Amino acid sequence: GHQYANTQQRIQATGKVLDKEFSYLRNSWSNPSKDSNKIKTFGMSGEYKTDTAGIIDYKNNAYGVAYVHEDESVRLGEGTGWYTGIVHNTFKFKDIGNSKEEQLQGKVGLFKSIPFDYNNSLNWTVSGDVFVGYNKMHRKFLV
């Protein structure tokens, strides 16, 4: 079962896909109003290569949807909000049998941004989230 060697790393990588989209929605999309709702569908592919013995290389394709709700206060940079999203990630291993794994992960969380001065040059964001996931692996091997 070399396919099971880095399961936690693949679960974390799937969660980081959602974190990247949440960050993009919060920071890169303009926010003309104080109360905003942002939603985005996304797709992403990647590849993992290593020389470590017992760890199998793979390619992955992820797609999903991310949503961010943000309420800003009158003070520049101060705000609260919540986010949620779901992602489906498919891994194709580069082993002899071309094993596959599918991961479905949903995440929901809260955040609060706190500015420490009036021009928002120092701003901290505190967040917390919880996720739930479902993994299904189809291992194939040559006998």
N, C-alpha and C. Protein backbone atom coordinates (compact mmCIF):
# COMPACT_ATOMS: atom_id res chain seq x y z
N GLY A 1 0.76 -1.19 0.00
CA GLY A 1 0.00 0.00 0.00
C GLY A 1 0.80 1.27 0.00
N HIS A 2 1.74 1.45 -0.93
CA HIS A 2 2.47 2.71 -1.01
C HIS A 2 1.53 3.89 -1.29
N GLN A 3 0.37 3.62 -1.85
CA GLN A 3 -0.58 4.70 -2.15
C GLN A 3 -1.06 5.39 -0.87
N TYR A 4 -1.03 4.68 0.25
CA TYR A 4 -1.50 5.24 1.51
C TYR A 4 -0.41 5.99 2.27
N ALA A 5 0.79 6.04 1.74
CA ALA A 5 1.94 6.59 2.47
C ALA A 5 1.77 8.06 2.83
N ASN A 6 1.24 8.87 1.97
CA ASN A 6 1.13 10.31 2.26
C ASN A 6 -0.32 10.79 2.16
N THR A 7 -1.23 10.04 2.74
CA THR A 7 -2.66 10.40 2.70
C THR A 7 -2.91 11.75 3.36
N GLN A 8 -2.29 11.98 4.51
CA GLN A 8 -2.50 13.26 5.21
C GLN A 8 -2.01 14.44 4.39
N GLN A 9 -0.91 14.25 3.67
CA GLN A 9 -0.40 15.32 2.82
C GLN A 9 -1.39 15.64 1.70
N ARG A 10 -2.04 14.63 1.14
CA ARG A 10 -3.02 14.87 0.07
C ARG A 10 -4.28 15.55 0.62
N ILE A 11 -4.69 15.19 1.84
CA ILE A 11 -5.84 15.85 2.46
C ILE A 11 -5.52 17.32 2.71
N GLN A 12 -4.30 17.59 3.21
CA GLN A 12 -3.90 18.97 3.45
C GLN A 12 -3.82 19.75 2.13
N ALA A 13 -3.31 19.14 1.08
CA ALA A 13 -3.21 19.81 -0.22
C ALA A 13 -4.60 20.15 -0.76
N THR A 14 -5.57 19.26 -0.55
CA THR A 14 -6.94 19.53 -0.98
C THR A 14 -7.52 20.72 -0.20
N GLY A 15 -7.26 20.78 1.10
CA GLY A 15 -7.71 21.92 1.91
C GLY A 15 -7.06 23.22 1.50
N LYS A 16 -5.78 23.16 1.09
CA LYS A 16 -5.09 24.38 0.67
C LYS A 16 -5.66 24.95 -0.62
N VAL A 17 -6.23 24.09 -1.45
CA VAL A 17 -6.89 24.57 -2.67
C VAL A 17 -8.02 25.52 -2.28
N LEU A 18 -8.84 25.12 -1.31
CA LEU A 18 -9.93 25.99 -0.84
C LEU A 18 -9.39 27.24 -0.17
N ASP A 19 -8.35 27.10 0.66
CA ASP A 19 -7.78 28.27 1.34
C ASP A 19 -7.27 29.31 0.34
N LYS A 20 -6.66 28.83 -0.74
CA LYS A 20 -6.17 29.74 -1.78
C LYS A 20 -7.32 30.52 -2.42
N GLU A 21 -8.44 29.84 -2.68
CA GLU A 21 -9.59 30.52 -3.29
C GLU A 21 -10.23 31.51 -2.32
N PHE A 22 -10.33 31.15 -1.04
CA PHE A 22 -10.88 32.09 -0.04
C PHE A 22 -10.01 33.34 0.04
N SER A 23 -8.71 33.15 0.07
CA SER A 23 -7.79 34.29 0.13
C SER A 23 -7.92 35.17 -1.11
N TYR A 24 -8.05 34.54 -2.27
CA TYR A 24 -8.22 35.30 -3.52
C TYR A 24 -9.50 36.13 -3.47
N LEU A 25 -10.60 35.54 -3.02
CA LEU A 25 -11.86 36.27 -2.96
C LEU A 25 -11.79 37.45 -1.99
N ARG A 26 -11.14 37.26 -0.85
CA ARG A 26 -11.07 38.32 0.16
C ARG A 26 -10.14 39.45 -0.26
N ASN A 27 -9.00 39.12 -0.87
CA ASN A 27 -7.96 40.13 -1.10
C ASN A 27 -7.90 40.68 -2.52
N SER A 28 -8.22 39.89 -3.51
CA SER A 28 -8.02 40.33 -4.89
C SER A 28 -9.27 40.93 -5.53
N TRP A 29 -10.43 40.50 -5.13
CA TRP A 29 -11.65 41.07 -5.69
C TRP A 29 -11.95 42.39 -5.01
N SER A 30 -12.29 43.40 -5.80
CA SER A 30 -12.60 44.70 -5.21
C SER A 30 -13.88 44.62 -4.40
N ASN A 31 -13.96 45.46 -3.40
CA ASN A 31 -15.10 45.46 -2.50
C ASN A 31 -15.69 46.86 -2.43
N PRO A 32 -16.56 47.24 -3.38
CA PRO A 32 -17.10 48.60 -3.39
C PRO A 32 -18.09 48.88 -2.27
N SER A 33 -18.68 47.86 -1.69
CA SER A 33 -19.65 48.08 -0.63
C SER A 33 -19.11 47.55 0.69
N LYS A 34 -19.73 47.94 1.77
CA LYS A 34 -19.32 47.48 3.09
C LYS A 34 -19.83 46.08 3.40
N ASP A 35 -20.88 45.67 2.73
CA ASP A 35 -21.47 44.35 2.93
C ASP A 35 -21.38 43.62 1.59
N SER A 36 -20.52 42.61 1.50
CA SER A 36 -20.31 41.99 0.19
C SER A 36 -20.44 40.47 0.27
N ASN A 37 -20.90 39.90 -0.83
CA ASN A 37 -20.98 38.46 -1.02
C ASN A 37 -20.22 38.14 -2.30
N LYS A 38 -19.27 37.22 -2.19
CA LYS A 38 -18.45 36.86 -3.34
C LYS A 38 -18.49 35.35 -3.52
N ILE A 39 -18.72 34.91 -4.74
CA ILE A 39 -18.77 33.48 -5.04
C ILE A 39 -17.95 33.22 -6.30
N LYS A 40 -17.29 32.06 -6.33
CA LYS A 40 -16.43 31.75 -7.45
C LYS A 40 -16.37 30.24 -7.65
N THR A 41 -16.44 29.81 -8.91
CA THR A 41 -16.15 28.43 -9.24
C THR A 41 -14.70 28.38 -9.73
N PHE A 42 -14.05 27.27 -9.53
CA PHE A 42 -12.64 27.20 -9.87
C PHE A 42 -12.27 25.79 -10.31
N GLY A 43 -11.16 25.71 -10.98
CA GLY A 43 -10.56 24.45 -11.38
C GLY A 43 -9.06 24.59 -11.30
N MET A 44 -8.39 23.53 -10.91
CA MET A 44 -6.96 23.61 -10.70
C MET A 44 -6.35 22.22 -10.93
N SER A 45 -5.17 22.18 -11.51
CA SER A 45 -4.48 20.90 -11.66
C SER A 45 -3.08 21.04 -11.09
N GLY A 46 -2.50 19.92 -10.72
CA GLY A 46 -1.17 19.94 -10.13
C GLY A 46 -0.49 18.60 -10.29
N GLU A 47 0.76 18.58 -9.87
CA GLU A 47 1.55 17.37 -9.96
C GLU A 47 2.49 17.32 -8.77
N TYR A 48 2.68 16.11 -8.23
CA TYR A 48 3.57 15.90 -7.09
C TYR A 48 4.63 14.90 -7.49
N LYS A 49 5.91 15.31 -7.37
CA LYS A 49 7.02 14.42 -7.70
C LYS A 49 7.98 14.39 -6.52
N THR A 50 8.47 13.19 -6.22
CA THR A 50 9.43 13.04 -5.14
C THR A 50 10.37 11.88 -5.43
N ASP A 51 11.54 11.92 -4.80
CA ASP A 51 12.50 10.83 -4.90
C ASP A 51 12.48 9.96 -3.65
N THR A 52 11.59 10.25 -2.71
CA THR A 52 11.52 9.51 -1.46
C THR A 52 11.03 8.08 -1.72
N ALA A 53 11.73 7.13 -1.14
CA ALA A 53 11.36 5.72 -1.32
C ALA A 53 10.01 5.45 -0.65
N GLY A 54 9.13 4.73 -1.34
CA GLY A 54 7.82 4.38 -0.80
C GLY A 54 6.74 5.41 -1.04
N ILE A 55 7.07 6.55 -1.61
CA ILE A 55 6.09 7.59 -1.92
C ILE A 55 5.90 7.63 -3.43
N ILE A 56 4.67 7.54 -3.88
CA ILE A 56 4.37 7.47 -5.31
C ILE A 56 4.02 8.86 -5.84
N ASP A 57 4.55 9.20 -7.01
CA ASP A 57 4.21 10.46 -7.68
C ASP A 57 2.77 10.40 -8.16
N TYR A 58 2.15 11.58 -8.31
CA TYR A 58 0.77 11.64 -8.80
C TYR A 58 0.49 12.95 -9.48
N LYS A 59 -0.58 12.95 -10.25
CA LYS A 59 -1.16 14.17 -10.83
C LYS A 59 -2.54 14.33 -10.22
N ASN A 60 -2.98 15.58 -10.04
CA ASN A 60 -4.31 15.79 -9.48
C ASN A 60 -5.05 16.89 -10.22
N ASN A 61 -6.38 16.78 -10.21
CA ASN A 61 -7.28 17.77 -10.78
C ASN A 61 -8.34 18.09 -9.73
N ALA A 62 -8.50 19.38 -9.43
CA ALA A 62 -9.47 19.79 -8.42
C ALA A 62 -10.42 20.82 -9.04
N TYR A 63 -11.67 20.76 -8.62
CA TYR A 63 -12.64 21.77 -9.01
C TYR A 63 -13.64 21.94 -7.88
N GLY A 64 -14.26 23.11 -7.85
CA GLY A 64 -15.22 23.34 -6.77
C GLY A 64 -15.78 24.74 -6.81
N VAL A 65 -16.35 25.14 -5.67
CA VAL A 65 -16.97 26.45 -5.53
C VAL A 65 -16.59 27.02 -4.16
N ALA A 66 -16.35 28.34 -4.11
CA ALA A 66 -16.00 29.02 -2.86
C ALA A 66 -16.89 30.25 -2.71
N TYR A 67 -17.27 30.55 -1.46
CA TYR A 67 -18.15 31.68 -1.15
C TYR A 67 -17.59 32.42 0.07
N VAL A 68 -17.55 33.75 -0.01
CA VAL A 68 -17.10 34.59 1.10
C VAL A 68 -18.13 35.69 1.33
N HIS A 69 -18.54 35.85 2.59
CA HIS A 69 -19.40 36.97 3.01
C HIS A 69 -18.58 37.84 3.94
N GLU A 70 -18.53 39.15 3.64
CA GLU A 70 -17.68 40.05 4.40
C GLU A 70 -18.44 41.32 4.76
N ASP A 71 -18.38 41.71 6.03
CA ASP A 71 -18.96 42.96 6.52
C ASP A 71 -17.84 43.85 7.03
N GLU A 72 -17.67 45.02 6.40
CA GLU A 72 -16.66 45.97 6.86
C GLU A 72 -17.31 47.01 7.75
N SER A 73 -16.55 47.48 8.73
CA SER A 73 -17.06 48.54 9.59
C SER A 73 -16.64 49.88 9.00
N VAL A 74 -16.93 50.94 9.71
CA VAL A 74 -16.59 52.29 9.24
C VAL A 74 -15.08 52.49 9.25
N ARG A 75 -14.39 51.88 10.17
CA ARG A 75 -12.94 52.01 10.27
C ARG A 75 -12.26 51.23 9.14
N LEU A 76 -11.28 51.82 8.49
CA LEU A 76 -10.58 51.22 7.35
C LEU A 76 -9.89 49.93 7.76
N GLY A 77 -10.21 48.83 7.08
CA GLY A 77 -9.56 47.55 7.30
C GLY A 77 -10.21 46.67 8.35
N GLU A 78 -11.16 47.20 9.10
CA GLU A 78 -11.82 46.41 10.14
C GLU A 78 -13.04 45.71 9.56
N GLY A 79 -13.15 44.41 9.80
CA GLY A 79 -14.28 43.69 9.26
C GLY A 79 -14.38 42.29 9.82
N THR A 80 -15.55 41.70 9.62
CA THR A 80 -15.80 40.32 10.03
C THR A 80 -16.49 39.62 8.87
N GLY A 81 -16.52 38.31 8.93
CA GLY A 81 -17.21 37.57 7.88
C GLY A 81 -17.08 36.08 8.07
N TRP A 82 -17.59 35.38 7.08
CA TRP A 82 -17.53 33.92 7.08
C TRP A 82 -17.33 33.44 5.66
N TYR A 83 -16.90 32.19 5.53
CA TYR A 83 -16.63 31.61 4.22
C TYR A 83 -16.99 30.14 4.24
N THR A 84 -17.29 29.63 3.06
CA THR A 84 -17.59 28.21 2.91
C THR A 84 -17.23 27.79 1.49
N GLY A 85 -16.98 26.51 1.33
CA GLY A 85 -16.65 26.01 0.01
C GLY A 85 -16.61 24.50 -0.02
N ILE A 86 -16.59 23.98 -1.22
CA ILE A 86 -16.50 22.53 -1.42
C ILE A 86 -15.58 22.29 -2.61
N VAL A 87 -14.77 21.25 -2.51
CA VAL A 87 -13.82 20.93 -3.57
C VAL A 87 -13.81 19.41 -3.78
N HIS A 88 -13.70 19.02 -5.05
CA HIS A 88 -13.55 17.61 -5.44
C HIS A 88 -12.18 17.47 -6.09
N ASN A 89 -11.34 16.61 -5.53
CA ASN A 89 -9.97 16.46 -6.01
C ASN A 89 -9.75 15.01 -6.41
N THR A 90 -9.24 14.79 -7.63
CA THR A 90 -8.97 13.46 -8.16
C THR A 90 -7.46 13.29 -8.32
N PHE A 91 -6.94 12.24 -7.73
CA PHE A 91 -5.50 11.94 -7.82
C PHE A 91 -5.32 10.72 -8.70
N LYS A 92 -4.36 10.81 -9.64
CA LYS A 92 -3.99 9.68 -10.49
C LYS A 92 -2.53 9.36 -10.21
N PHE A 93 -2.31 8.19 -9.59
CA PHE A 93 -0.97 7.80 -9.19
C PHE A 93 -0.18 7.26 -10.37
N LYS A 94 1.12 7.45 -10.31
CA LYS A 94 2.02 6.95 -11.36
C LYS A 94 2.65 5.63 -10.91
N ASP A 95 1.79 4.69 -10.51
CA ASP A 95 2.27 3.36 -10.15
C ASP A 95 1.98 2.40 -11.30
N ILE A 96 2.33 1.14 -11.14
CA ILE A 96 2.18 0.16 -12.23
C ILE A 96 0.71 -0.02 -12.61
N GLY A 97 -0.20 0.01 -11.64
CA GLY A 97 -1.61 -0.23 -11.93
C GLY A 97 -2.42 1.03 -12.20
N ASN A 98 -1.80 2.23 -12.17
CA ASN A 98 -2.50 3.50 -12.34
C ASN A 98 -3.66 3.65 -11.34
N SER A 99 -3.34 3.52 -10.05
CA SER A 99 -4.34 3.67 -9.00
C SER A 99 -4.90 5.08 -8.99
N LYS A 100 -6.12 5.21 -8.42
CA LYS A 100 -6.79 6.52 -8.37
C LYS A 100 -7.36 6.75 -6.98
N GLU A 101 -7.48 8.02 -6.61
CA GLU A 101 -8.12 8.40 -5.36
C GLU A 101 -8.97 9.63 -5.62
N GLU A 102 -10.14 9.66 -4.99
CA GLU A 102 -11.02 10.82 -5.06
C GLU A 102 -11.23 11.37 -3.67
N GLN A 103 -11.16 12.68 -3.53
CA GLN A 103 -11.42 13.34 -2.26
C GLN A 103 -12.48 14.42 -2.46
N LEU A 104 -13.43 14.45 -1.56
CA LEU A 104 -14.45 15.48 -1.53
C LEU A 104 -14.32 16.15 -0.17
N GLN A 105 -14.13 17.47 -0.17
CA GLN A 105 -13.90 18.18 1.09
C GLN A 105 -14.73 19.46 1.13
N GLY A 106 -15.41 19.66 2.24
CA GLY A 106 -16.17 20.88 2.49
C GLY A 106 -15.60 21.60 3.68
N LYS A 107 -15.62 22.93 3.63
CA LYS A 107 -15.01 23.72 4.70
C LYS A 107 -15.89 24.93 4.99
N VAL A 108 -15.99 25.31 6.27
CA VAL A 108 -16.71 26.50 6.69
C VAL A 108 -15.91 27.17 7.80
N GLY A 109 -15.87 28.50 7.78
CA GLY A 109 -15.08 29.21 8.78
C GLY A 109 -15.51 30.65 8.98
N LEU A 110 -14.93 31.26 10.02
CA LEU A 110 -15.17 32.66 10.37
C LEU A 110 -13.85 33.41 10.37
N PHE A 111 -13.90 34.74 10.15
CA PHE A 111 -12.68 35.55 10.24
C PHE A 111 -13.01 36.94 10.76
N LYS A 112 -11.98 37.58 11.32
CA LYS A 112 -12.09 38.95 11.81
C LYS A 112 -10.79 39.65 11.50
N SER A 113 -10.88 40.82 10.84
CA SER A 113 -9.71 41.62 10.51
C SER A 113 -9.64 42.80 11.47
N ILE A 114 -8.44 43.02 12.03
CA ILE A 114 -8.25 44.06 13.04
C ILE A 114 -7.11 44.98 12.59
N PRO A 115 -7.39 46.27 12.30
CA PRO A 115 -6.31 47.21 11.98
C PRO A 115 -5.73 47.80 13.28
N PHE A 116 -4.42 48.05 13.28
CA PHE A 116 -3.78 48.61 14.46
C PHE A 116 -3.42 50.08 14.31
N ASP A 117 -3.76 50.68 13.17
CA ASP A 117 -3.58 52.11 12.99
C ASP A 117 -4.68 52.63 12.06
N TYR A 118 -4.69 53.92 11.79
CA TYR A 118 -5.79 54.50 11.02
C TYR A 118 -5.65 54.36 9.51
N ASN A 119 -4.43 54.12 9.00
CA ASN A 119 -4.28 53.98 7.55
C ASN A 119 -4.15 52.53 7.10
N ASN A 120 -4.42 51.57 7.99
CA ASN A 120 -4.47 50.14 7.68
C ASN A 120 -3.13 49.60 7.17
N SER A 121 -2.01 50.15 7.67
CA SER A 121 -0.71 49.63 7.26
C SER A 121 -0.33 48.38 8.05
N LEU A 122 -0.92 48.19 9.23
CA LEU A 122 -0.73 46.96 10.00
C LEU A 122 -2.10 46.37 10.31
N ASN A 123 -2.38 45.22 9.72
CA ASN A 123 -3.69 44.60 9.86
C ASN A 123 -3.50 43.11 10.10
N TRP A 124 -4.14 42.61 11.14
CA TRP A 124 -4.11 41.18 11.44
C TRP A 124 -5.48 40.60 11.17
N THR A 125 -5.49 39.41 10.60
CA THR A 125 -6.74 38.68 10.39
C THR A 125 -6.67 37.37 11.16
N VAL A 126 -7.65 37.17 12.02
CA VAL A 126 -7.76 35.94 12.81
C VAL A 126 -8.91 35.13 12.22
N SER A 127 -8.66 33.85 11.98
CA SER A 127 -9.71 33.02 11.39
C SER A 127 -9.67 31.62 11.99
N GLY A 128 -10.79 30.97 11.89
CA GLY A 128 -10.91 29.59 12.33
C GLY A 128 -11.90 28.87 11.44
N ASP A 129 -11.60 27.62 11.14
CA ASP A 129 -12.52 26.87 10.27
C ASP A 129 -12.53 25.41 10.66
N VAL A 130 -13.50 24.72 10.11
CA VAL A 130 -13.65 23.28 10.31
C VAL A 130 -13.96 22.66 8.93
N PHE A 131 -13.46 21.44 8.72
CA PHE A 131 -13.72 20.80 7.44
C PHE A 131 -14.17 19.37 7.66
N VAL A 132 -14.85 18.86 6.67
CA VAL A 132 -15.26 17.46 6.65
C VAL A 132 -14.91 16.92 5.27
N GLY A 133 -14.46 15.67 5.23
CA GLY A 133 -14.04 15.13 3.96
C GLY A 133 -14.42 13.68 3.78
N TYR A 134 -14.42 13.26 2.53
CA TYR A 134 -14.70 11.87 2.16
C TYR A 134 -13.66 11.46 1.13
N ASN A 135 -12.95 10.37 1.40
CA ASN A 135 -11.92 9.87 0.49
C ASN A 135 -12.31 8.48 0.01
N LYS A 136 -12.03 8.24 -1.27
CA LYS A 136 -12.29 6.92 -1.85
C LYS A 136 -11.10 6.57 -2.74
N MET A 137 -10.47 5.45 -2.46
CA MET A 137 -9.31 5.04 -3.25
C MET A 137 -9.61 3.75 -4.01
N HIS A 138 -9.16 3.73 -5.25
CA HIS A 138 -9.27 2.53 -6.08
C HIS A 138 -7.85 2.09 -6.41
N ARG A 139 -7.32 1.17 -5.59
CA ARG A 139 -5.97 0.69 -5.77
C ARG A 139 -5.96 -0.43 -6.81
N LYS A 140 -5.01 -0.34 -7.71
CA LYS A 140 -4.79 -1.41 -8.69
C LYS A 140 -3.32 -1.81 -8.58
N PHE A 141 -3.06 -3.08 -8.71
CA PHE A 141 -1.70 -3.55 -8.62
C PHE A 141 -1.49 -4.72 -9.56
N LEU A 142 -0.25 -4.95 -9.91
CA LEU A 142 0.12 -6.02 -10.84
C LEU A 142 0.63 -7.21 -10.04
N VAL A 143 0.06 -8.38 -10.28
CA VAL A 143 0.47 -9.60 -9.57
C VAL A 143 1.30 -10.47 -10.50
